Structures are given as C-alpha cells and as structure tokens.
N, C-alpha and C. Protein backbone atom coordinates (compact mmCIF):
# COMPACT_ATOMS: atom_id res chain seq x y z
N MET A 1 0.85 -1.18 0.00
CA MET A 1 0.00 0.00 0.00
C MET A 1 0.89 1.23 0.00
N TRP A 2 0.50 2.27 -0.75
CA TRP A 2 1.35 3.44 -0.95
C TRP A 2 0.97 4.59 -0.05
N ALA A 3 -0.24 4.66 0.40
CA ALA A 3 -0.67 5.78 1.24
C ALA A 3 -1.37 5.23 2.46
N MET A 4 -1.21 5.91 3.56
CA MET A 4 -1.94 5.49 4.75
C MET A 4 -2.32 6.73 5.55
N LYS A 5 -3.30 6.60 6.39
CA LYS A 5 -3.77 7.70 7.22
C LYS A 5 -2.65 8.17 8.13
N SER A 6 -2.50 9.48 8.24
CA SER A 6 -1.47 10.04 9.13
C SER A 6 -1.93 11.39 9.63
N GLY A 7 -1.08 12.09 10.34
CA GLY A 7 -1.43 13.40 10.87
C GLY A 7 -1.08 14.54 9.94
N GLN A 8 -0.74 14.27 8.68
CA GLN A 8 -0.38 15.34 7.75
C GLN A 8 -1.60 16.15 7.36
N ASP A 9 -1.36 17.33 6.75
CA ASP A 9 -2.44 18.24 6.37
C ASP A 9 -3.53 17.58 5.53
N ASN A 10 -3.13 16.75 4.54
CA ASN A 10 -4.13 16.13 3.68
C ASN A 10 -4.63 14.80 4.23
N GLY A 11 -4.11 14.38 5.39
CA GLY A 11 -4.57 13.16 6.02
C GLY A 11 -3.91 11.89 5.54
N TYR A 12 -2.95 11.98 4.60
CA TYR A 12 -2.29 10.81 4.06
C TYR A 12 -0.80 11.09 3.91
N LYS A 13 -0.01 10.01 3.97
CA LYS A 13 1.42 10.15 3.72
C LYS A 13 1.87 9.06 2.76
N ILE A 14 2.99 9.30 2.10
CA ILE A 14 3.57 8.33 1.18
C ILE A 14 4.49 7.42 1.98
N MET A 15 4.38 6.13 1.74
CA MET A 15 5.21 5.17 2.45
C MET A 15 6.65 5.25 1.94
N SER A 16 7.58 4.90 2.79
CA SER A 16 8.99 4.93 2.48
C SER A 16 9.28 4.09 1.24
N GLY A 17 10.13 4.62 0.35
CA GLY A 17 10.52 3.88 -0.85
C GLY A 17 9.64 4.14 -2.06
N TRP A 18 8.56 4.91 -1.89
CA TRP A 18 7.63 5.21 -2.98
C TRP A 18 7.53 6.71 -3.21
N ARG A 19 7.22 7.10 -4.46
CA ARG A 19 6.88 8.48 -4.79
C ARG A 19 5.55 8.43 -5.54
N VAL A 20 4.68 9.37 -5.26
CA VAL A 20 3.37 9.43 -5.90
C VAL A 20 3.24 10.77 -6.60
N GLY A 21 2.75 10.71 -7.85
CA GLY A 21 2.60 11.95 -8.61
C GLY A 21 1.41 11.92 -9.53
N HIS A 22 0.95 13.12 -9.87
CA HIS A 22 -0.11 13.29 -10.86
C HIS A 22 0.53 13.21 -12.24
N LEU A 23 -0.16 12.60 -13.17
CA LEU A 23 0.33 12.51 -14.55
C LEU A 23 0.21 13.85 -15.25
N LEU A 24 1.21 14.17 -16.08
CA LEU A 24 1.13 15.37 -16.91
C LEU A 24 0.36 15.08 -18.19
N GLU A 25 0.46 13.84 -18.68
CA GLU A 25 -0.24 13.45 -19.91
C GLU A 25 -0.95 12.12 -19.69
N GLU A 26 -2.12 11.99 -20.25
CA GLU A 26 -2.84 10.72 -20.24
C GLU A 26 -3.49 10.54 -21.60
N SER A 27 -3.71 9.31 -21.98
CA SER A 27 -4.46 9.03 -23.19
C SER A 27 -5.51 8.00 -22.85
N ALA A 28 -6.50 7.85 -23.69
CA ALA A 28 -7.57 6.90 -23.43
C ALA A 28 -7.47 5.72 -24.38
N THR A 29 -7.75 4.52 -23.88
CA THR A 29 -7.80 3.33 -24.72
C THR A 29 -9.18 3.27 -25.38
N ARG A 30 -9.38 2.30 -26.23
CA ARG A 30 -10.68 2.14 -26.89
C ARG A 30 -11.80 1.91 -25.89
N SER A 31 -11.48 1.28 -24.76
CA SER A 31 -12.50 1.00 -23.76
C SER A 31 -12.77 2.21 -22.87
N GLY A 32 -11.97 3.29 -23.06
CA GLY A 32 -12.17 4.49 -22.27
C GLY A 32 -11.30 4.57 -21.02
N LEU A 33 -10.48 3.54 -20.78
CA LEU A 33 -9.60 3.56 -19.62
C LEU A 33 -8.47 4.57 -19.85
N LEU A 34 -8.11 5.28 -18.81
CA LEU A 34 -7.00 6.22 -18.91
C LEU A 34 -5.69 5.46 -18.76
N VAL A 35 -4.74 5.78 -19.62
CA VAL A 35 -3.44 5.12 -19.56
C VAL A 35 -2.36 6.19 -19.56
N PRO A 36 -1.39 6.09 -18.65
CA PRO A 36 -0.31 7.08 -18.63
C PRO A 36 0.56 6.98 -19.87
N ALA A 37 1.10 8.11 -20.30
CA ALA A 37 2.05 8.11 -21.41
C ALA A 37 3.20 7.19 -21.05
N GLY A 38 3.68 6.43 -22.03
CA GLY A 38 4.80 5.54 -21.78
C GLY A 38 4.41 4.14 -21.36
N SER A 39 3.12 3.84 -21.28
CA SER A 39 2.74 2.53 -20.77
C SER A 39 2.38 1.53 -21.86
N GLU A 40 2.16 1.97 -23.08
CA GLU A 40 1.77 1.04 -24.13
C GLU A 40 2.92 0.76 -25.08
N LYS A 41 3.76 -0.22 -24.72
CA LYS A 41 4.87 -0.66 -25.56
C LYS A 41 5.72 0.52 -26.02
N SER A 42 6.10 1.34 -25.10
CA SER A 42 6.87 2.52 -25.40
C SER A 42 8.02 2.62 -24.41
N ASN A 43 9.05 3.33 -24.80
CA ASN A 43 10.18 3.54 -23.91
C ASN A 43 10.11 4.91 -23.24
N ASP A 44 8.97 5.58 -23.32
CA ASP A 44 8.82 6.90 -22.73
C ASP A 44 8.76 6.82 -21.21
N ALA A 45 9.43 7.76 -20.56
CA ALA A 45 9.35 7.85 -19.10
C ALA A 45 8.03 8.53 -18.72
N LEU A 46 7.55 8.26 -17.52
CA LEU A 46 6.37 8.93 -17.00
C LEU A 46 6.78 10.30 -16.47
N ALA A 47 6.10 11.34 -16.92
CA ALA A 47 6.31 12.68 -16.39
C ALA A 47 5.25 12.90 -15.32
N LEU A 48 5.68 13.11 -14.07
CA LEU A 48 4.78 13.21 -12.94
C LEU A 48 5.05 14.46 -12.12
N VAL A 49 4.01 14.92 -11.41
CA VAL A 49 4.15 16.03 -10.48
C VAL A 49 3.88 15.48 -9.09
N ASP A 50 4.87 15.58 -8.21
CA ASP A 50 4.81 15.02 -6.86
C ASP A 50 3.60 15.58 -6.10
N VAL A 51 2.80 14.71 -5.47
CA VAL A 51 1.60 15.15 -4.75
C VAL A 51 1.94 15.94 -3.50
N ASP A 52 3.12 15.74 -2.92
CA ASP A 52 3.52 16.47 -1.72
C ASP A 52 4.22 17.78 -2.03
N SER A 53 5.25 17.73 -2.89
CA SER A 53 6.08 18.91 -3.13
C SER A 53 5.62 19.77 -4.30
N GLY A 54 4.88 19.18 -5.25
CA GLY A 54 4.48 19.91 -6.45
C GLY A 54 5.59 20.01 -7.49
N LEU A 55 6.74 19.35 -7.24
CA LEU A 55 7.85 19.37 -8.19
C LEU A 55 7.70 18.23 -9.18
N GLN A 56 8.21 18.45 -10.40
CA GLN A 56 8.11 17.46 -11.45
C GLN A 56 9.23 16.43 -11.33
N PHE A 57 8.90 15.17 -11.67
CA PHE A 57 9.92 14.12 -11.76
C PHE A 57 9.55 13.14 -12.86
N TRP A 58 10.55 12.38 -13.32
CA TRP A 58 10.37 11.43 -14.40
C TRP A 58 10.77 10.06 -13.91
N ALA A 59 9.97 9.04 -14.26
CA ALA A 59 10.24 7.69 -13.76
C ALA A 59 9.99 6.65 -14.84
N VAL A 60 10.67 5.52 -14.71
CA VAL A 60 10.46 4.37 -15.58
C VAL A 60 9.07 3.81 -15.27
N PRO A 61 8.24 3.55 -16.29
CA PRO A 61 6.87 3.09 -16.03
C PRO A 61 6.75 1.65 -15.54
N THR A 62 7.81 0.84 -15.68
CA THR A 62 7.75 -0.55 -15.24
C THR A 62 7.48 -0.62 -13.74
N GLY A 63 6.44 -1.34 -13.37
CA GLY A 63 6.11 -1.51 -11.96
C GLY A 63 5.34 -0.35 -11.35
N ALA A 64 4.93 0.62 -12.18
CA ALA A 64 4.15 1.75 -11.66
C ALA A 64 2.71 1.31 -11.39
N TRP A 65 2.10 1.93 -10.38
CA TRP A 65 0.73 1.61 -10.00
C TRP A 65 -0.14 2.85 -10.06
N ARG A 66 -1.30 2.75 -10.72
CA ARG A 66 -2.25 3.85 -10.79
C ARG A 66 -3.35 3.62 -9.76
N PHE A 67 -3.79 4.71 -9.11
CA PHE A 67 -4.91 4.61 -8.17
C PHE A 67 -5.47 6.00 -7.93
N LEU A 68 -6.61 6.06 -7.27
CA LEU A 68 -7.19 7.35 -6.91
C LEU A 68 -6.57 7.83 -5.61
N TRP A 69 -6.05 9.05 -5.61
CA TRP A 69 -5.46 9.63 -4.41
C TRP A 69 -6.61 10.03 -3.49
N PRO A 70 -6.68 9.44 -2.30
CA PRO A 70 -7.83 9.66 -1.42
C PRO A 70 -8.06 11.13 -1.04
N ALA A 71 -6.99 11.91 -0.93
CA ALA A 71 -7.13 13.30 -0.51
C ALA A 71 -7.82 14.17 -1.55
N THR A 72 -7.68 13.81 -2.86
CA THR A 72 -8.24 14.65 -3.93
C THR A 72 -9.21 13.90 -4.84
N GLY A 73 -9.16 12.56 -4.83
CA GLY A 73 -9.99 11.77 -5.74
C GLY A 73 -9.45 11.75 -7.16
N GLU A 74 -8.22 12.27 -7.37
CA GLU A 74 -7.62 12.30 -8.71
C GLU A 74 -6.77 11.06 -8.94
N VAL A 75 -6.60 10.69 -10.22
CA VAL A 75 -5.76 9.56 -10.58
C VAL A 75 -4.30 9.97 -10.39
N VAL A 76 -3.54 9.14 -9.68
CA VAL A 76 -2.12 9.36 -9.47
C VAL A 76 -1.37 8.07 -9.81
N VAL A 77 -0.05 8.18 -9.87
CA VAL A 77 0.79 7.02 -10.16
C VAL A 77 1.83 6.90 -9.05
N ALA A 78 1.99 5.69 -8.51
CA ALA A 78 3.02 5.41 -7.51
C ALA A 78 4.15 4.67 -8.20
N VAL A 79 5.37 5.14 -7.98
CA VAL A 79 6.56 4.47 -8.52
C VAL A 79 7.57 4.29 -7.38
N ARG A 80 8.36 3.26 -7.49
CA ARG A 80 9.43 3.07 -6.51
C ARG A 80 10.48 4.15 -6.73
N GLU A 81 11.07 4.63 -5.65
CA GLU A 81 12.09 5.67 -5.76
C GLU A 81 13.25 5.23 -6.64
N SER A 82 13.53 3.93 -6.69
CA SER A 82 14.61 3.41 -7.53
C SER A 82 14.29 3.54 -9.02
N GLN A 83 13.03 3.79 -9.38
CA GLN A 83 12.62 3.93 -10.78
C GLN A 83 12.69 5.38 -11.26
N ILE A 84 13.01 6.31 -10.38
CA ILE A 84 13.06 7.72 -10.75
C ILE A 84 14.34 8.01 -11.52
N ILE A 85 14.18 8.64 -12.67
CA ILE A 85 15.29 8.94 -13.56
C ILE A 85 15.85 10.33 -13.27
N ALA A 86 14.97 11.30 -13.11
CA ALA A 86 15.36 12.70 -12.89
C ALA A 86 14.26 13.41 -12.14
N GLU A 87 14.61 14.52 -11.49
CA GLU A 87 13.59 15.30 -10.81
C GLU A 87 13.97 16.77 -10.78
N GLN A 88 12.95 17.59 -10.70
CA GLN A 88 13.14 19.03 -10.64
C GLN A 88 13.73 19.38 -9.28
N GLU A 89 14.71 20.28 -9.29
CA GLU A 89 15.31 20.71 -8.03
C GLU A 89 14.52 21.88 -7.47
N THR A 90 14.51 21.98 -6.15
CA THR A 90 13.86 23.13 -5.53
C THR A 90 14.74 24.35 -5.75
N GLU A 91 14.10 25.48 -5.95
CA GLU A 91 14.84 26.72 -6.17
C GLU A 91 15.17 27.36 -4.83
N GLU A 92 16.42 27.67 -4.65
CA GLU A 92 16.86 28.35 -3.45
C GLU A 92 16.81 29.85 -3.71
N PRO A 93 16.25 30.65 -2.82
CA PRO A 93 16.21 32.09 -3.02
C PRO A 93 17.62 32.67 -3.08
N ASP A 94 17.81 33.61 -4.00
CA ASP A 94 19.08 34.31 -4.12
C ASP A 94 19.13 35.36 -3.02
N SER A 95 20.11 35.25 -2.12
CA SER A 95 20.17 36.15 -0.96
C SER A 95 20.36 37.61 -1.34
N GLU A 96 20.99 37.87 -2.50
CA GLU A 96 21.22 39.26 -2.93
C GLU A 96 20.01 39.84 -3.65
N ASN A 97 19.36 39.04 -4.49
CA ASN A 97 18.30 39.56 -5.35
C ASN A 97 16.90 39.18 -4.88
N GLY A 98 16.78 38.34 -3.87
CA GLY A 98 15.45 37.90 -3.42
C GLY A 98 14.92 36.78 -4.29
N HIS A 99 13.70 36.42 -4.06
CA HIS A 99 13.07 35.31 -4.79
C HIS A 99 11.75 35.81 -5.38
N TYR A 100 11.63 35.74 -6.68
CA TYR A 100 10.43 36.22 -7.35
C TYR A 100 9.66 35.06 -7.96
N LEU A 101 8.35 35.12 -7.89
CA LEU A 101 7.51 34.08 -8.49
C LEU A 101 7.01 34.52 -9.83
C-alpha cells in the first residue's frame, strides 16, 4: 500500500521507498480507460508532479501503479524511488536579489 492515514495536512502520507505523482499526460484506450504516457509498448518515461512537493519528476513506467489519491480523488501514479530517472530541483532564493515568483 502506498498511502496510509497520518497526521499530515491532507490526512495521508507516502510510504517509504515510494513516490506518488499526478500525470502530466494521459491518453484513453478504446475501452475508455486512462493510460499514462509511456505505458503502451513505449520507452517513454512517465512525467509526474509530486503530490507532496508539487515538483516534477520522471520515472520508468515498469512496476508503476495507478490509483485514486484519497485526498483529492484524482488519478495518481506510484513508482518506486529506484525507478526515478530525474527530478526538478527546488529553487533556493538568491540572498542578494530575493526570490520572485
């Protein structure tokens, strides 16, 4: 199981060794099922946005699990941390110039 009840703001936490993210792209099969990019005989990595940090990361789709995130009811994908290829770094504020959004 990837999420369990905890004392966090959204009521759920990610279990150790897993990362959960929202898909950036999805496509539909003929039956109407949503399938993440990279899952149909493709070598494409999954582009995901972390449900906790909001930062983007890319992971190998092998062994990924799709489910509804209880806190939002949205489809998310859980991948093992060992499957992550790259991730967006957090921006550190520049002490001289400040941090602008």
